[in-house]
Amino acid sequence: MTGIDSDNPLFQEENSRDYGPQPLAGILAERGLTNHQVVAASTEQLTHKMLAKGCRGRYLSPKVRQKILRALNRLTGETFTLAQLFNYR
């Protein structure tokens, strides 16, 4: 069989880790911020790839979500919560 098989458990598991566009992307857009600005504001090892995956809705570990939260709070001077940035746990 060729192509993607939606009955394949591995395919279903992969899709279950994709949560669609996250509120994080909207927050960045509303404030006119770029991914580069958030990464540059981070004092931790946060990469552009991590942030891009977070905006797209790919599953991120709790540690990476915390890094993004801290960088965004530092950059904006606001106090966001994880629930405001991501719609999954």
PDB file of N, CA and C in Angstrom:
ATOM      1  N   MET A   1       0.854  -1.173   0.000  1.00  0.00           N
ATOM      2  CA  MET A   1       0.000   0.000   0.000  1.00  0.00           C
ATOM      3  C   MET A   1       0.901   1.238   0.000  1.00  0.00           C
ATOM      4  N   THR A   2       0.557   2.234  -0.778  1.00  0.00           N
ATOM      5  CA  THR A   2       1.341   3.461  -0.837  1.00  0.00           C
ATOM      6  C   THR A   2       0.528   4.621  -0.299  1.00  0.00           C
ATOM      7  N   GLY A   3       1.211   5.698   0.021  1.00  0.00           N
ATOM      8  CA  GLY A   3       0.521   6.879   0.532  1.00  0.00           C
ATOM      9  C   GLY A   3       0.248   6.768   2.017  1.00  0.00           C
ATOM     10  N   ILE A   4      -0.524   7.705   2.501  1.00  0.00           N
ATOM     11  CA  ILE A   4      -0.847   7.758   3.928  1.00  0.00           C
ATOM     12  C   ILE A   4      -2.132   6.997   4.180  1.00  0.00           C
ATOM     13  N   ASP A   5      -2.129   6.161   5.165  1.00  0.00           N
ATOM     14  CA  ASP A   5      -3.277   5.334   5.513  1.00  0.00           C
ATOM     15  C   ASP A   5      -3.854   5.837   6.831  1.00  0.00           C
ATOM     16  N   SER A   6      -5.020   6.467   6.785  1.00  0.00           N
ATOM     17  CA  SER A   6      -5.602   7.045   7.995  1.00  0.00           C
ATOM     18  C   SER A   6      -6.039   5.981   9.002  1.00  0.00           C
ATOM     19  N   ASP A   7      -6.085   4.711   8.575  1.00  0.00           N
ATOM     20  CA  ASP A   7      -6.413   3.632   9.509  1.00  0.00           C
ATOM     21  C   ASP A   7      -5.184   3.121  10.245  1.00  0.00           C
ATOM     22  N   ASN A   8      -4.026   3.569   9.828  1.00  0.00           N
ATOM     23  CA  ASN A   8      -2.779   3.147  10.438  1.00  0.00           C
ATOM     24  C   ASN A   8      -2.641   3.815  11.811  1.00  0.00           C
ATOM     25  N   PRO A   9      -2.438   3.037  12.876  1.00  0.00           N
ATOM     26  CA  PRO A   9      -2.317   3.619  14.222  1.00  0.00           C
ATOM     27  C   PRO A   9      -1.173   4.616  14.351  1.00  0.00           C
ATOM     28  N   LEU A  10      -0.074   4.406  13.624  1.00  0.00           N
ATOM     29  CA  LEU A  10       1.043   5.346  13.698  1.00  0.00           C
ATOM     30  C   LEU A  10       0.656   6.696  13.118  1.00  0.00           C
ATOM     31  N   PHE A  11      -0.127   6.690  12.049  1.00  0.00           N
ATOM     32  CA  PHE A  11      -0.592   7.938  11.451  1.00  0.00           C
ATOM     33  C   PHE A  11      -1.527   8.663  12.408  1.00  0.00           C
ATOM     34  N   GLN A  12      -2.418   7.934  13.056  1.00  0.00           N
ATOM     35  CA  GLN A  12      -3.349   8.545  13.997  1.00  0.00           C
ATOM     36  C   GLN A  12      -2.611   9.122  15.195  1.00  0.00           C
ATOM     37  N   GLU A  13      -1.573   8.417  15.679  1.00  0.00           N
ATOM     38  CA  GLU A  13      -0.801   8.921  16.815  1.00  0.00           C
ATOM     39  C   GLU A  13      -0.089  10.213  16.433  1.00  0.00           C
ATOM     40  N   GLU A  14       0.462  10.272  15.239  1.00  0.00           N
ATOM     41  CA  GLU A  14       1.161  11.472  14.784  1.00  0.00           C
ATOM     42  C   GLU A  14       0.197  12.651  14.715  1.00  0.00           C
ATOM     43  N   ASN A  15      -1.003  12.451  14.200  1.00  0.00           N
ATOM     44  CA  ASN A  15      -1.993  13.524  14.101  1.00  0.00           C
ATOM     45  C   ASN A  15      -2.500  13.965  15.461  1.00  0.00           C
ATOM     46  N   SER A  16      -2.473  13.090  16.457  1.00  0.00           N
ATOM     47  CA  SER A  16      -2.978  13.452  17.777  1.00  0.00           C
ATOM     48  C   SER A  16      -2.037  14.437  18.469  1.00  0.00           C
ATOM     49  N   ARG A  17      -0.866  14.665  17.906  1.00  0.00           N
ATOM     50  CA  ARG A  17       0.089  15.600  18.484  1.00  0.00           C
ATOM     51  C   ARG A  17       0.077  16.941  17.746  1.00  0.00           C
ATOM     52  N   ASP A  18      -0.894  17.123  16.859  1.00  0.00           N
ATOM     53  CA  ASP A  18      -1.036  18.367  16.114  1.00  0.00           C
ATOM     54  C   ASP A  18      -2.338  19.031  16.576  1.00  0.00           C
ATOM     55  N   TYR A  19      -2.217  20.189  17.231  1.00  0.00           N
ATOM     56  CA  TYR A  19      -3.374  20.834  17.850  1.00  0.00           C
ATOM     57  C   TYR A  19      -3.869  22.055  17.090  1.00  0.00           C
ATOM     58  N   GLY A  20      -3.347  22.281  15.902  1.00  0.00           N
ATOM     59  CA  GLY A  20      -3.782  23.416  15.097  1.00  0.00           C
ATOM     60  C   GLY A  20      -3.213  24.726  15.625  1.00  0.00           C
ATOM     61  N   PRO A  21      -3.468  25.808  14.899  1.00  0.00           N
ATOM     62  CA  PRO A  21      -2.918  27.113  15.295  1.00  0.00           C
ATOM     63  C   PRO A  21      -3.246  27.443  16.754  1.00  0.00           C
ATOM     64  N   GLN A  22      -2.253  27.938  17.460  1.00  0.00           N
ATOM     65  CA  GLN A  22      -2.381  28.211  18.884  1.00  0.00           C
ATOM     66  C   GLN A  22      -2.599  29.705  19.136  1.00  0.00           C
ATOM     67  N   PRO A  23      -3.189  30.043  20.279  1.00  0.00           N
ATOM     68  CA  PRO A  23      -3.362  31.451  20.651  1.00  0.00           C
ATOM     69  C   PRO A  23      -2.042  32.222  20.650  1.00  0.00           C
ATOM     70  N   LEU A  24      -0.937  31.548  20.884  1.00  0.00           N
ATOM     71  CA  LEU A  24       0.380  32.175  20.862  1.00  0.00           C
ATOM     72  C   LEU A  24       0.603  32.925  19.552  1.00  0.00           C
ATOM     73  N   ALA A  25       0.247  32.317  18.442  1.00  0.00           N
ATOM     74  CA  ALA A  25       0.442  32.957  17.132  1.00  0.00           C
ATOM     75  C   ALA A  25      -0.358  34.245  17.037  1.00  0.00           C
ATOM     76  N   GLY A  26      -1.578  34.241  17.544  1.00  0.00           N
ATOM     77  CA  GLY A  26      -2.410  35.438  17.526  1.00  0.00           C
ATOM     78  C   GLY A  26      -1.853  36.539  18.408  1.00  0.00           C
ATOM     79  N   ILE A  27      -1.339  36.164  19.561  1.00  0.00           N
ATOM     80  CA  ILE A  27      -0.751  37.146  20.482  1.00  0.00           C
ATOM     81  C   ILE A  27       0.452  37.822  19.832  1.00  0.00           C
ATOM     82  N   LEU A  28       1.287  37.028  19.179  1.00  0.00           N
ATOM     83  CA  LEU A  28       2.446  37.600  18.502  1.00  0.00           C
ATOM     84  C   LEU A  28       2.007  38.541  17.379  1.00  0.00           C
ATOM     85  N   ALA A  29       1.018  38.130  16.605  1.00  0.00           N
ATOM     86  CA  ALA A  29       0.537  38.948  15.491  1.00  0.00           C
ATOM     87  C   ALA A  29      -0.098  40.248  15.987  1.00  0.00           C
ATOM     88  N   GLU A  30      -0.917  40.169  17.038  1.00  0.00           N
ATOM     89  CA  GLU A  30      -1.580  41.358  17.579  1.00  0.00           C
ATOM     90  C   GLU A  30      -0.574  42.411  18.034  1.00  0.00           C
ATOM     91  N   ARG A  31       0.544  41.957  18.562  1.00  0.00           N
ATOM     92  CA  ARG A  31       1.546  42.877  19.096  1.00  0.00           C
ATOM     93  C   ARG A  31       2.650  43.209  18.093  1.00  0.00           C
ATOM     94  N   GLY A  32       2.533  42.640  16.891  1.00  0.00           N
ATOM     95  CA  GLY A  32       3.520  42.904  15.853  1.00  0.00           C
ATOM     96  C   GLY A  32       4.893  42.333  16.159  1.00  0.00           C
ATOM     97  N   LEU A  33       4.917  41.247  16.892  1.00  0.00           N
ATOM     98  CA  LEU A  33       6.186  40.619  17.278  1.00  0.00           C
ATOM     99  C   LEU A  33       6.546  39.502  16.311  1.00  0.00           C
ATOM    100  N   THR A  34       7.830  39.311  16.118  1.00  0.00           N
ATOM    101  CA  THR A  34       8.308  38.220  15.277  1.00  0.00           C
ATOM    102  C   THR A  34       8.854  37.106  16.159  1.00  0.00           C
ATOM    103  N   ASN A  35       8.979  35.927  15.558  1.00  0.00           N
ATOM    104  CA  ASN A  35       9.574  34.803  16.288  1.00  0.00           C
ATOM    105  C   ASN A  35      10.994  35.156  16.709  1.00  0.00           C
ATOM    106  N   HIS A  36      11.712  35.854  15.849  1.00  0.00           N
ATOM    107  CA  HIS A  36      13.100  36.214  16.170  1.00  0.00           C
ATOM    108  C   HIS A  36      13.178  37.084  17.421  1.00  0.00           C
ATOM    109  N   GLN A  37      12.250  38.009  17.577  1.00  0.00           N
ATOM    110  CA  GLN A  37      12.263  38.879  18.758  1.00  0.00           C
ATOM    111  C   GLN A  37      12.060  38.072  20.038  1.00  0.00           C
ATOM    112  N   VAL A  38      11.170  37.088  19.982  1.00  0.00           N
ATOM    113  CA  VAL A  38      10.908  36.260  21.163  1.00  0.00           C
ATOM    114  C   VAL A  38      12.134  35.415  21.484  1.00  0.00           C
ATOM    115  N   VAL A  39      12.735  34.807  20.462  1.00  0.00           N
ATOM    116  CA  VAL A  39      13.926  33.985  20.682  1.00  0.00           C
ATOM    117  C   VAL A  39      15.067  34.847  21.236  1.00  0.00           C
ATOM    118  N   ALA A  40      15.224  36.041  20.702  1.00  0.00           N
ATOM    119  CA  ALA A  40      16.296  36.930  21.173  1.00  0.00           C
ATOM    120  C   ALA A  40      16.066  37.374  22.612  1.00  0.00           C
ATOM    121  N   ALA A  41      14.805  37.477  23.034  1.00  0.00           N
ATOM    122  CA  ALA A  41      14.488  37.900  24.399  1.00  0.00           C
ATOM    123  C   ALA A  41      14.711  36.788  25.421  1.00  0.00           C
ATOM    124  N   SER A  42      14.817  35.566  24.949  1.00  0.00           N
ATOM    125  CA  SER A  42      14.982  34.432  25.854  1.00  0.00           C
ATOM    126  C   SER A  42      16.391  34.381  26.413  1.00  0.00           C
ATOM    127  N   THR A  43      16.483  34.062  27.698  1.00  0.00           N
ATOM    128  CA  THR A  43      17.787  33.866  28.330  1.00  0.00           C
ATOM    129  C   THR A  43      18.122  32.380  28.397  1.00  0.00           C
ATOM    130  N   GLU A  44      17.215  31.552  27.851  1.00  0.00           N
ATOM    131  CA  GLU A  44      17.394  30.102  27.864  1.00  0.00           C
ATOM    132  C   GLU A  44      17.655  29.625  26.446  1.00  0.00           C
ATOM    133  N   GLN A  45      17.824  28.352  26.281  1.00  0.00           N
ATOM    134  CA  GLN A  45      18.052  27.786  24.959  1.00  0.00           C
ATOM    135  C   GLN A  45      16.717  27.574  24.258  1.00  0.00           C
ATOM    136  N   LEU A  46      16.200  28.640  23.689  1.00  0.00           N
ATOM    137  CA  LEU A  46      14.959  28.607  22.916  1.00  0.00           C
ATOM    138  C   LEU A  46      15.340  28.830  21.464  1.00  0.00           C
ATOM    139  N   THR A  47      14.844  27.962  20.582  1.00  0.00           N
ATOM    140  CA  THR A  47      15.188  28.078  19.166  1.00  0.00           C
ATOM    141  C   THR A  47      14.001  28.561  18.354  1.00  0.00           C
ATOM    142  N   HIS A  48      14.296  29.052  17.164  1.00  0.00           N
ATOM    143  CA  HIS A  48      13.242  29.472  16.249  1.00  0.00           C
ATOM    144  C   HIS A  48      12.334  28.288  15.904  1.00  0.00           C
ATOM    145  N   LYS A  49      12.930  27.127  15.780  1.00  0.00           N
ATOM    146  CA  LYS A  49      12.168  25.923  15.438  1.00  0.00           C
ATOM    147  C   LYS A  49      11.165  25.569  16.535  1.00  0.00           C
ATOM    148  N   MET A  50      11.572  25.669  17.794  1.00  0.00           N
ATOM    149  CA  MET A  50      10.660  25.401  18.911  1.00  0.00           C
ATOM    150  C   MET A  50       9.474  26.357  18.875  1.00  0.00           C
ATOM    151  N   LEU A  51       9.765  27.629  18.680  1.00  0.00           N
ATOM    152  CA  LEU A  51       8.715  28.637  18.682  1.00  0.00           C
ATOM    153  C   LEU A  51       7.781  28.460  17.496  1.00  0.00           C
ATOM    154  N   ALA A  52       8.333  28.171  16.332  1.00  0.00           N
ATOM    155  CA  ALA A  52       7.509  27.958  15.138  1.00  0.00           C
ATOM    156  C   ALA A  52       6.586  26.756  15.330  1.00  0.00           C
ATOM    157  N   LYS A  53       7.103  25.680  15.905  1.00  0.00           N
ATOM    158  CA  LYS A  53       6.269  24.503  16.176  1.00  0.00           C
ATOM    159  C   LYS A  53       5.155  24.850  17.163  1.00  0.00           C
ATOM    160  N   GLY A  54       5.483  25.661  18.161  1.00  0.00           N
ATOM    161  CA  GLY A  54       4.476  26.065  19.137  1.00  0.00           C
ATOM    162  C   GLY A  54       3.359  26.874  18.505  1.00  0.00           C
ATOM    163  N   CYS A  55       3.696  27.778  17.620  1.00  0.00           N
ATOM    164  CA  CYS A  55       2.683  28.596  16.939  1.00  0.00           C
ATOM    165  C   CYS A  55       1.797  27.751  16.034  1.00  0.00           C
ATOM    166  N   ARG A  56       2.401  26.766  15.368  1.00  0.00           N
ATOM    167  CA  ARG A  56       1.650  25.901  14.454  1.00  0.00           C
ATOM    168  C   ARG A  56       0.760  24.905  15.181  1.00  0.00           C
ATOM    169  N   GLY A  57       1.085  24.629  16.431  1.00  0.00           N
ATOM    170  CA  GLY A  57       0.255  23.704  17.192  1.00  0.00           C
ATOM    171  C   GLY A  57       0.811  22.313  17.309  1.00  0.00           C
ATOM    172  N   ARG A  58       2.068  22.115  16.974  1.00  0.00           N
ATOM    173  CA  ARG A  58       2.693  20.826  17.225  1.00  0.00           C
ATOM    174  C   ARG A  58       2.905  20.700  18.731  1.00  0.00           C
ATOM    175  N   TYR A  59       2.842  19.493  19.240  1.00  0.00           N
ATOM    176  CA  TYR A  59       3.005  19.277  20.676  1.00  0.00           C
ATOM    177  C   TYR A  59       4.401  19.699  21.113  1.00  0.00           C
ATOM    178  N   LEU A  60       4.466  20.470  22.182  1.00  0.00           N
ATOM    179  CA  LEU A  60       5.735  20.850  22.809  1.00  0.00           C
ATOM    180  C   LEU A  60       5.740  20.331  24.235  1.00  0.00           C
ATOM    181  N   SER A  61       6.898  19.957  24.705  1.00  0.00           N
ATOM    182  CA  SER A  61       7.011  19.481  26.084  1.00  0.00           C
ATOM    183  C   SER A  61       6.707  20.639  27.038  1.00  0.00           C
ATOM    184  N   PRO A  62       6.311  20.323  28.254  1.00  0.00           N
ATOM    185  CA  PRO A  62       6.045  21.382  29.229  1.00  0.00           C
ATOM    186  C   PRO A  62       7.233  22.314  29.446  1.00  0.00           C
ATOM    187  N   LYS A  63       8.455  21.790  29.407  1.00  0.00           N
ATOM    188  CA  LYS A  63       9.644  22.631  29.599  1.00  0.00           C
ATOM    189  C   LYS A  63       9.797  23.652  28.479  1.00  0.00           C
ATOM    190  N   VAL A  64       9.544  23.241  27.251  1.00  0.00           N
ATOM    191  CA  VAL A  64       9.659  24.162  26.113  1.00  0.00           C
ATOM    192  C   VAL A  64       8.551  25.207  26.173  1.00  0.00           C
ATOM    193  N   ARG A  65       7.343  24.791  26.538  1.00  0.00           N
ATOM    194  CA  ARG A  65       6.247  25.771  26.666  1.00  0.00           C
ATOM    195  C   ARG A  65       6.587  26.815  27.722  1.00  0.00           C
ATOM    196  N   GLN A  66       7.218  26.393  28.822  1.00  0.00           N
ATOM    197  CA  GLN A  66       7.627  27.331  29.871  1.00  0.00           C
ATOM    198  C   GLN A  66       8.679  28.308  29.350  1.00  0.00           C
ATOM    199  N   LYS A  67       9.621  27.834  28.546  1.00  0.00           N
ATOM    200  CA  LYS A  67      10.641  28.706  27.973  1.00  0.00           C
ATOM    201  C   LYS A  67       9.998  29.786  27.106  1.00  0.00           C
ATOM    202  N   ILE A  68       9.021  29.387  26.307  1.00  0.00           N
ATOM    203  CA  ILE A  68       8.323  30.346  25.441  1.00  0.00           C
ATOM    204  C   ILE A  68       7.569  31.355  26.292  1.00  0.00           C
ATOM    205  N   LEU A  69       6.899  30.879  27.318  1.00  0.00           N
ATOM    206  CA  LEU A  69       6.150  31.759  28.214  1.00  0.00           C
ATOM    207  C   LEU A  69       7.072  32.794  28.859  1.00  0.00           C
ATOM    208  N   ARG A  70       8.177  32.350  29.398  1.00  0.00           N
ATOM    209  CA  ARG A  70       9.105  33.275  30.057  1.00  0.00           C
ATOM    210  C   ARG A  70       9.680  34.297  29.076  1.00  0.00           C
ATOM    211  N   ALA A  71      10.013  33.858  27.864  1.00  0.00           N
ATOM    212  CA  ALA A  71      10.565  34.775  26.869  1.00  0.00           C
ATOM    213  C   ALA A  71       9.532  35.815  26.448  1.00  0.00           C
ATOM    214  N   LEU A  72       8.287  35.382  26.239  1.00  0.00           N
ATOM    215  CA  LEU A  72       7.234  36.315  25.834  1.00  0.00           C
ATOM    216  C   LEU A  72       6.936  37.309  26.952  1.00  0.00           C
ATOM    217  N   ASN A  73       6.858  36.843  28.175  1.00  0.00           N
ATOM    218  CA  ASN A  73       6.614  37.745  29.309  1.00  0.00           C
ATOM    219  C   ASN A  73       7.742  38.762  29.442  1.00  0.00           C
ATOM    220  N   ARG A  74       8.953  38.307  29.257  1.00  0.00           N
ATOM    221  CA  ARG A  74      10.104  39.215  29.350  1.00  0.00           C
ATOM    222  C   ARG A  74      10.066  40.257  28.234  1.00  0.00           C
ATOM    223  N   LEU A  75       9.737  39.828  27.028  1.00  0.00           N
ATOM    224  CA  LEU A  75       9.727  40.720  25.874  1.00  0.00           C
ATOM    225  C   LEU A  75       8.629  41.765  25.964  1.00  0.00           C
ATOM    226  N   THR A  76       7.431  41.354  26.353  1.00  0.00           N
ATOM    227  CA  THR A  76       6.285  42.261  26.353  1.00  0.00           C
ATOM    228  C   THR A  76       6.126  43.034  27.650  1.00  0.00           C
ATOM    229  N   GLY A  77       6.674  42.514  28.744  1.00  0.00           N
ATOM    230  CA  GLY A  77       6.463  43.144  30.043  1.00  0.00           C
ATOM    231  C   GLY A  77       5.100  42.816  30.620  1.00  0.00           C
ATOM    232  N   GLU A  78       4.366  41.943  29.942  1.00  0.00           N
ATOM    233  CA  GLU A  78       3.055  41.496  30.423  1.00  0.00           C
ATOM    234  C   GLU A  78       3.222  40.170  31.153  1.00  0.00           C
ATOM    235  N   THR A  79       2.144  39.709  31.777  1.00  0.00           N
ATOM    236  CA  THR A  79       2.185  38.438  32.480  1.00  0.00           C
ATOM    237  C   THR A  79       1.146  37.500  31.866  1.00  0.00           C
ATOM    238  N   PHE A  80       1.600  36.678  30.943  1.00  0.00           N
ATOM    239  CA  PHE A  80       0.731  35.684  30.319  1.00  0.00           C
ATOM    240  C   PHE A  80       0.800  34.387  31.118  1.00  0.00           C
ATOM    241  N   THR A  81      -0.193  33.540  30.914  1.00  0.00           N
ATOM    242  CA  THR A  81      -0.184  32.193  31.495  1.00  0.00           C
ATOM    243  C   THR A  81      -0.093  31.191  30.353  1.00  0.00           C
ATOM    244  N   LEU A  82       0.266  29.971  30.672  1.00  0.00           N
ATOM    245  CA  LEU A  82       0.332  28.935  29.637  1.00  0.00           C
ATOM    246  C   LEU A  82      -1.024  28.728  28.973  1.00  0.00           C
ATOM    247  N   ALA A  83      -2.093  28.835  29.751  1.00  0.00           N
ATOM    248  CA  ALA A  83      -3.444  28.647  29.201  1.00  0.00           C
ATOM    249  C   ALA A  83      -3.777  29.712  28.160  1.00  0.00           C
ATOM    250  N   GLN A  84      -3.172  30.886  28.263  1.00  0.00           N
ATOM    251  CA  GLN A  84      -3.413  31.938  27.292  1.00  0.00           C
ATOM    252  C   GLN A  84      -2.629  31.699  25.999  1.00  0.00           C
ATOM    253  N   LEU A  85      -1.561  30.938  26.059  1.00  0.00           N
ATOM    254  CA  LEU A  85      -0.717  30.712  24.891  1.00  0.00           C
ATOM    255  C   LEU A  85      -1.008  29.422  24.158  1.00  0.00           C
ATOM    256  N   PHE A  86      -1.406  28.387  24.896  1.00  0.00           N
ATOM    257  CA  PHE A  86      -1.608  27.064  24.315  1.00  0.00           C
ATOM    258  C   PHE A  86      -2.968  26.510  24.723  1.00  0.00           C
ATOM    259  N   ASN A  87      -3.657  25.874  23.776  1.00  0.00           N
ATOM    260  CA  ASN A  87      -4.969  25.308  24.108  1.00  0.00           C
ATOM    261  C   ASN A  87      -4.907  23.803  24.358  1.00  0.00           C
ATOM    262  N   TYR A  88      -3.762  23.309  24.777  1.00  0.00           N
ATOM    263  CA  TYR A  88      -3.602  21.913  25.193  1.00  0.00           C
ATOM    264  C   TYR A  88      -2.699  21.870  26.416  1.00  0.00           C
ATOM    265  N   ARG A  89      -2.680  20.731  27.090  1.00  0.00           N
ATOM    266  CA  ARG A  89      -1.841  20.559  28.291  1.00  0.00           C
ATOM    267  C   ARG A  89      -0.774  19.522  28.025  1.00  0.00           C
TER     268      ARG A  89
END
